[in-house]
Protein backbone atom coordinates (compact mmCIF):
# COMPACT_ATOMS: atom_id res chain seq x y z
CA MET A 1 130.60 70.45 73.24
CA LYS A 2 130.18 69.65 76.93
CA ALA A 3 129.77 72.70 79.19
CA VAL A 4 132.40 73.27 81.87
CA LYS A 5 130.95 73.15 85.38
CA PRO A 6 132.25 76.16 87.32
CA ALA A 7 134.04 75.60 90.63
CA SER A 8 132.44 78.76 92.00
CA PHE A 9 129.32 80.50 90.83
CA HIS A 10 127.07 83.49 91.50
CA ILE A 11 123.72 84.24 89.95
CA ASP A 12 120.61 86.28 90.78
CA VAL A 13 117.40 84.52 89.75
CA VAL A 14 113.70 85.41 89.82
CA GLY A 15 111.74 82.23 90.49
CA LEU A 16 108.09 82.10 89.38
CA MET A 17 105.62 79.65 90.87
CA SER A 18 101.93 79.16 90.17
CA GLY A 19 100.29 76.18 91.85
CA THR A 20 97.33 74.01 90.92
CA SER A 21 95.12 75.84 93.42
CA LEU A 22 95.48 79.05 91.34
CA ASP A 23 95.83 81.26 94.40
CA GLY A 24 98.17 83.61 92.54
CA LEU A 25 101.66 84.08 91.16
CA ASP A 26 104.68 83.96 93.47
CA LEU A 27 107.80 85.90 92.47
CA CYS A 28 110.99 85.36 94.46
CA CYS A 29 114.29 87.04 93.68
CA VAL A 30 117.14 84.95 95.07
CA SER A 31 120.88 85.57 95.20
CA PHE A 32 122.81 82.28 94.89
CA ASP A 33 126.48 81.54 95.50
CA PHE A 34 128.15 78.19 94.88
CA ASP A 35 131.54 77.30 96.38
CA GLY A 36 131.17 73.53 96.54
CA ARG A 37 127.92 74.09 98.43
CA TRP A 38 124.94 76.25 97.49
CA HIS A 39 124.10 79.32 99.57
CA TYR A 40 121.07 81.53 99.07
CA ARG A 41 119.52 84.79 100.19
CA ILE A 42 115.95 85.83 99.38
CA VAL A 43 116.30 89.43 98.22
CA LYS A 44 112.60 90.15 97.62
CA ALA A 45 109.42 88.11 97.29
CA GLU A 46 105.85 89.00 96.40
CA SER A 47 102.56 87.29 95.57
CA ILE A 48 100.23 88.68 92.93
CA ASP A 49 96.57 87.77 92.65
CA TYR A 50 95.46 86.77 89.17
CA PRO A 51 92.87 88.93 87.40
CA GLU A 52 89.59 87.02 87.52
CA ASP A 53 89.45 86.60 83.75
CA LEU A 54 92.93 85.04 83.67
CA ARG A 55 92.17 82.82 86.66
CA ARG A 56 89.04 81.54 84.92
CA LYS A 57 90.95 80.78 81.71
CA LEU A 58 93.71 78.94 83.57
CA ALA A 59 91.13 76.94 85.51
CA THR A 60 89.37 75.80 82.33
CA ALA A 61 92.32 75.50 79.93
CA GLN A 62 92.10 71.71 79.78
CA ARG A 63 88.71 72.05 78.07
CA MET A 64 89.73 74.72 75.53
CA SER A 65 90.04 74.29 71.79
CA SER A 66 93.59 73.84 70.53
CA LEU A 67 93.56 77.38 69.15
CA ASP A 68 92.41 78.95 72.43
CA TYR A 69 94.89 76.83 74.37
CA ALA A 70 97.78 77.98 72.17
CA ARG A 71 96.65 81.59 72.51
CA LEU A 72 96.49 81.28 76.32
CA HIS A 73 100.00 79.77 76.36
CA SER A 74 101.27 82.86 74.53
CA ASP A 75 99.18 85.42 76.44
CA TYR A 76 100.08 83.93 79.81
CA GLY A 77 103.78 84.03 78.96
CA LEU A 78 103.50 87.69 78.02
CA TYR A 79 101.62 88.34 81.27
CA LEU A 80 104.38 86.63 83.27
CA GLY A 81 107.00 88.69 81.47
CA GLU A 82 105.14 91.88 82.37
CA GLN A 83 104.94 90.84 86.03
CA VAL A 84 108.66 90.05 86.13
CA ARG A 85 109.60 93.36 84.49
CA SER A 86 107.40 95.30 86.93
CA PHE A 87 108.71 93.33 89.93
CA VAL A 88 112.34 93.94 88.99
CA GLU A 89 111.90 97.63 88.15
CA ARG A 90 109.65 98.44 91.11
CA ASN A 91 112.09 96.91 93.60
CA GLN A 92 115.29 97.93 91.75
CA LEU A 93 116.49 94.33 91.57
CA LYS A 94 119.34 92.72 89.70
CA ALA A 95 118.27 89.59 87.81
CA ASP A 96 120.40 87.40 85.56
CA LEU A 97 117.73 84.79 84.97
CA VAL A 98 114.03 83.99 85.29
CA ALA A 99 113.06 80.41 86.22
CA SER A 100 109.37 79.78 85.56
CA HIS A 101 107.34 76.79 86.68
CA GLY A 102 104.41 77.71 84.42
CA GLN A 103 100.85 76.55 85.04
CA THR A 104 100.27 72.81 84.89
CA ILE A 105 97.30 72.04 82.66
CA PHE A 106 97.88 68.37 81.80
CA HIS A 107 99.99 65.87 83.70
CA GLN A 108 99.84 62.26 82.47
CA PRO A 109 103.32 60.80 82.93
CA GLY A 110 101.99 57.28 82.36
CA VAL A 111 101.74 58.16 78.66
CA ARG A 112 104.85 60.40 78.79
CA PHE A 113 102.89 63.61 78.56
CA THR A 114 102.88 66.76 80.68
CA ALA A 115 102.15 70.41 79.84
CA GLN A 116 102.90 73.60 81.74
CA ILE A 117 101.79 76.70 79.85
CA GLY A 118 103.34 80.15 79.92
CA SER A 119 105.56 80.83 76.92
CA GLY A 120 109.21 81.16 77.91
CA ALA A 121 109.78 83.16 74.75
CA GLY A 122 107.09 85.59 75.90
CA ILE A 123 108.61 85.93 79.37
CA ALA A 124 112.09 86.57 77.96
CA ALA A 125 110.86 88.98 75.28
CA VAL A 126 108.86 91.18 77.65
CA SER A 127 111.16 91.05 80.68
CA GLY A 128 114.38 91.25 78.65
CA ILE A 129 115.86 88.58 80.96
CA ASP A 130 117.08 85.11 79.99
CA THR A 131 114.37 82.62 80.95
CA VAL A 132 114.41 78.91 81.74
CA CYS A 133 111.06 77.10 81.78
CA ASP A 134 109.49 73.72 80.90
CA PHE A 135 111.33 71.88 83.66
CA ARG A 136 109.26 68.67 83.63
CA THR A 137 109.11 67.39 80.06
CA THR A 138 112.63 65.92 79.77
CA ASP A 139 112.08 63.85 82.88
CA VAL A 140 108.72 62.59 81.60
CA ALA A 141 110.31 61.72 78.24
CA LEU A 142 112.87 59.68 80.21
CA GLY A 143 110.04 57.66 81.75
CA GLY A 144 109.83 59.66 84.97
CA GLN A 145 106.92 61.28 86.75
CA GLY A 146 108.24 64.80 86.07
CA ALA A 147 107.30 65.49 89.68
CA PRO A 148 107.92 66.42 92.31
CA LEU A 149 110.77 68.74 91.35
CA VAL A 150 111.20 70.49 94.70
CA PRO A 151 113.12 67.64 96.44
CA ILE A 152 116.47 68.53 94.92
CA GLY A 153 116.08 71.93 96.58
CA ASP A 154 115.14 70.20 99.82
CA ALA A 155 118.37 68.23 99.65
CA VAL A 156 120.56 71.18 98.67
CA LEU A 157 119.05 73.92 100.84
CA PHE A 158 117.13 72.18 103.68
CA GLY A 159 119.01 68.95 104.24
CA ASP A 160 119.11 69.42 108.04
CA TYR A 161 115.44 68.36 108.33
CA ASP A 162 114.34 64.72 108.49
CA TYR A 163 111.47 65.45 106.08
CA CYS A 164 110.40 68.35 103.90
CA LEU A 165 106.62 68.53 103.51
CA ASN A 166 104.81 70.90 101.18
CA LEU A 167 101.09 71.57 101.60
CA GLY A 168 100.04 73.17 98.35
CA GLY A 169 97.42 72.16 95.82
CA PHE A 170 98.79 68.69 96.56
CA SER A 171 100.97 67.52 99.42
CA ASN A 172 104.39 66.12 98.67
CA ILE A 173 107.19 64.89 100.87
CA SER A 174 110.91 64.34 100.44
CA PHE A 175 113.53 62.74 102.65
CA ALA A 176 116.97 61.16 102.52
CA GLN A 177 117.29 57.38 102.44
CA GLY A 178 120.91 56.41 102.47
CA GLU A 179 122.64 58.26 99.65
CA GLN A 180 119.39 58.88 97.76
CA ARG A 181 116.68 61.51 98.00
CA LEU A 182 113.20 60.02 97.83
CA ALA A 183 110.03 61.99 97.23
CA TYR A 184 106.47 61.64 96.00
CA ASP A 185 103.04 63.20 96.15
CA ILE A 186 100.90 62.13 99.11
CA SER A 187 97.39 63.51 98.53
CA PRO A 188 95.41 66.48 97.28
CA VAL A 189 95.19 69.35 99.76
CA ASN A 190 94.30 72.91 98.77
CA TYR A 191 93.08 71.91 95.33
CA VAL A 192 90.15 70.21 97.04
CA LEU A 193 89.84 72.41 100.14
CA ASN A 194 89.71 75.63 98.11
CA HIS A 195 87.09 74.15 95.79
CA TYR A 196 84.69 73.40 98.62
CA ALA A 197 85.44 76.67 100.43
CA GLY A 198 84.43 78.32 97.16
CA LEU A 199 80.95 76.84 97.53
CA ARG A 200 80.61 79.08 100.58
CA GLY A 201 81.88 82.11 98.69
CA LEU A 202 85.41 81.93 100.11
CA ALA A 203 88.68 81.96 98.21
CA PHE A 204 90.03 79.57 100.87
CA ASP A 205 89.12 78.34 104.35
CA ARG A 206 91.12 80.72 106.56
CA ASP A 207 92.72 78.85 109.49
CA GLY A 208 90.45 75.91 108.64
CA GLU A 209 87.58 77.45 110.59
CA LEU A 210 84.88 76.24 108.19
CA ALA A 211 86.32 72.71 108.34
CA ARG A 212 86.46 72.96 112.14
CA SER A 213 82.72 73.68 112.17
CA GLY A 214 81.90 70.55 110.14
CA ARG A 215 81.47 66.89 111.05
CA VAL A 216 83.61 64.05 109.70
CA CYS A 217 81.71 61.52 107.59
CA ARG A 218 83.42 58.29 108.59
CA ASP A 219 82.16 56.29 105.64
CA LEU A 220 83.45 58.86 103.13
CA LEU A 221 86.73 59.09 105.05
CA ASP A 222 87.20 55.33 104.87
CA ARG A 223 86.49 55.29 101.14
CA LEU A 224 88.90 58.16 100.49
CA ASN A 225 91.63 56.43 102.47
CA ALA A 226 91.01 53.22 100.50
CA LEU A 227 91.63 54.77 97.07
CA PRO A 228 94.19 52.66 95.15
CA PHE A 229 96.66 55.54 94.69
CA TYR A 230 97.50 55.41 98.39
CA THR A 231 98.73 51.81 98.21
CA GLN A 232 101.08 52.46 95.29
CA ASP A 233 104.80 52.70 95.92
CA GLY A 234 106.69 55.77 94.78
CA PRO A 235 107.76 57.42 92.62
CA LYS A 236 104.22 58.65 92.08
CA SER A 237 102.55 61.98 91.42
CA LEU A 238 99.08 63.46 91.27
CA GLY A 239 97.35 65.85 88.89
CA ARG A 240 94.06 67.65 88.66
CA GLU A 241 92.72 64.93 86.35
CA TRP A 242 92.82 62.36 89.15
CA VAL A 243 90.93 64.65 91.51
CA GLU A 244 88.27 65.51 88.94
CA GLN A 245 87.80 61.93 87.76
CA THR A 246 88.09 60.10 91.09
CA VAL A 247 87.87 62.30 94.18
CA TYR A 248 85.10 64.75 93.29
CA PRO A 249 82.65 62.08 92.05
CA LEU A 250 83.21 60.09 95.26
CA ILE A 251 82.60 63.12 97.47
CA GLU A 252 79.59 64.35 95.52
CA GLY A 253 77.90 60.98 95.92
CA TYR A 254 77.36 61.74 99.60
CA GLY A 255 75.53 65.06 99.19
CA LEU A 256 77.24 66.58 102.21
CA PRO A 257 77.34 70.30 103.09
CA ALA A 258 80.63 71.99 102.31
CA GLU A 259 81.74 72.23 105.95
CA ASP A 260 81.34 68.45 106.41
CA VAL A 261 83.27 67.77 103.22
CA LEU A 262 86.05 70.06 104.45
CA ALA A 263 86.15 68.43 107.90
CA THR A 264 86.32 64.99 106.29
CA PHE A 265 88.94 65.93 103.76
CA VAL A 266 91.16 67.62 106.34
CA GLU A 267 91.04 64.38 108.34
CA HIS A 268 91.88 62.44 105.17
CA VAL A 269 94.91 64.65 104.47
CA ALA A 270 96.11 64.30 108.08
CA VAL A 271 95.78 60.50 108.00
CA GLN A 272 97.62 60.17 104.69
CA ILE A 273 100.50 62.42 105.77
CA GLY A 274 100.73 60.54 109.06
CA ARG A 275 101.30 57.31 107.12
CA HIS A 276 104.53 58.70 105.68
CA VAL A 277 106.09 60.57 108.61
CA ARG A 278 107.97 58.34 111.03
CA GLY A 279 109.07 61.01 113.48
CA GLY A 280 111.75 63.68 113.52
CA ARG A 281 111.69 67.28 112.35
CA VAL A 282 109.39 68.02 109.44
CA LEU A 283 109.82 71.31 107.58
CA THR A 284 106.23 72.25 106.74
CA THR A 285 105.58 74.86 104.06
CA GLY A 286 103.02 75.90 101.46
CA GLY A 287 99.64 77.54 101.93
CA GLY A 288 98.38 74.63 104.02
CA ALA A 289 100.98 75.42 106.69
CA ARG A 290 98.79 78.41 107.60
CA ASN A 291 95.72 76.20 108.10
CA ARG A 292 95.66 75.84 111.89
CA PHE A 293 92.98 73.18 111.93
CA LEU A 294 94.83 71.06 109.38
CA LEU A 295 98.04 71.26 111.44
CA GLU A 296 96.11 70.26 114.59
CA ARG A 297 94.74 67.18 112.86
CA MET A 298 98.17 66.33 111.38
CA ARG A 299 99.74 66.48 114.85
CA ALA A 300 96.95 64.31 116.25
CA ALA A 301 97.44 61.75 113.46
CA ALA A 302 101.25 61.65 113.88
CA PRO A 303 102.17 62.77 117.42
CA GLN A 304 105.70 61.42 116.92
CA ALA A 305 106.41 64.14 114.32
CA ASP A 306 107.68 67.64 115.02
CA TYR A 307 106.01 69.72 112.30
CA VAL A 308 108.20 72.83 112.06
CA VAL A 309 106.50 75.83 110.46
CA PRO A 310 109.27 78.26 109.41
CA ASP A 311 109.33 82.01 108.83
CA PRO A 312 106.60 83.52 106.58
CA LEU A 313 108.93 83.99 103.59
CA THR A 314 109.88 80.32 103.58
CA ILE A 315 106.27 79.20 104.12
CA ASP A 316 104.95 81.21 101.22
CA PHE A 317 107.84 81.24 98.77
CA LYS A 318 109.76 77.98 99.23
CA GLU A 319 108.59 76.58 95.89
CA ALA A 320 109.43 79.79 94.01
CA LEU A 321 112.81 79.80 95.78
CA ILE A 322 113.49 76.24 94.67
CA PHE A 323 112.42 76.89 91.09
CA ALA A 324 114.94 79.72 91.13
CA LEU A 325 117.49 77.11 92.23
CA LEU A 326 116.44 74.80 89.38
CA GLY A 327 117.21 77.63 86.98
CA ALA A 328 120.59 78.23 88.61
CA LEU A 329 121.40 74.51 88.34
CA TYR A 330 120.42 74.56 84.66
CA VAL A 331 122.81 77.43 83.95
CA ALA A 332 125.55 75.71 85.98
CA ASP A 333 125.01 72.53 83.90
CA ARG A 334 124.12 70.46 86.96
CA PRO A 335 121.21 68.00 87.29
CA ASN A 336 118.03 69.62 88.59
CA CYS A 337 115.81 66.53 88.45
CA LEU A 338 116.56 63.37 90.44
CA SER A 339 115.75 59.93 89.03
CA SER A 340 115.48 58.54 92.59
CA VAL A 341 112.52 60.88 93.05
CA THR A 342 110.79 60.69 89.68
CA GLY A 343 111.67 57.21 88.43
CA ALA A 344 113.28 58.54 85.26
CA ALA A 345 115.99 56.57 83.48
CA ARG A 346 118.65 58.93 84.81
CA ASP A 347 119.19 62.21 86.61
CA ASN A 348 118.67 64.99 84.12
CA ILE A 349 118.88 68.72 83.49
CA GLY A 350 115.34 69.82 82.76
CA GLY A 351 114.36 73.07 81.12
CA CYS A 352 114.50 75.17 77.97
CA LEU A 353 116.42 78.44 77.76
CA TYR A 354 115.09 81.52 75.98
CA LYS A 355 117.46 84.45 75.60
CA GLY A 356 116.16 87.79 76.81
CA ASN A 357 118.47 89.82 74.56
CA LYS A 358 118.50 92.57 77.14
CA SER A 359 121.05 95.20 76.24
CA LYS A 360 123.98 94.97 78.64
């Protein structure tokens, strides 16, 4: 039986986001209303650092045995459920739904395979709240990239900007072209920058100061900019596998100190983003939006662009906000994944629902 799409709609959703850079778990409680257009209000948002043991397991999950991988999928889901329950109770929030991105471990859309761990059953069981997760796999099964997923939120919630740019573990961009929304990944960002900052004992390079102190290696920069991925047309997406198999070996071949690698890679990111921004207002969010040196180099590479850095809540929680929206769209029986963005055979409603069975 086909679900009836409501003419008006209200729902309170906790969006969960954990990026490739593993800098923690974002929780964002959002109140949505639909009256022909979507309206939102962020009620409460928090970031939680991962315990070191969990961070280590998530960082190495792709090399685990099948048994350990399955156990981590379950344990991580239970952990997420505990964090949601604590977040809701501590802040006295109302939540009808949890929408969880999960942690991407494998992403190989070319062979129709992607995996985000964090058991939705575990989240729902521990939090007691209905949970939607696993947003990417339907799109990948339909021949799409399964990424990026944020652009539908860009279109629905931030359509007044010419471009929406996210600087997370990877950079991605979305924009309107005629009646379609187009989007794709541009380059790695914090996934690489945080790795090399870690060689200096830092969780991340605050304000890009370590990169600022380094020197750009022009030969490495040219070779990075010449990687074949950057000449491919979209839809296209990146995963950690590409970085570990292609980018790291290239960088390591030069034997540079960490600060020179960071200076070079910041310049690489700025150049690549500048190739895709043709002017206008660019909403700039994600952890990289706080990297002053990176923003300086982006503005130098594309002086025609107005990179707009919004309020701190939007910078830090835009992806969690939009995953909350994806959950709301799922419940409203509306597409939450755009074929114009991912290359899938059709727009689709991605996700799996687990009932929380919370007593009403």
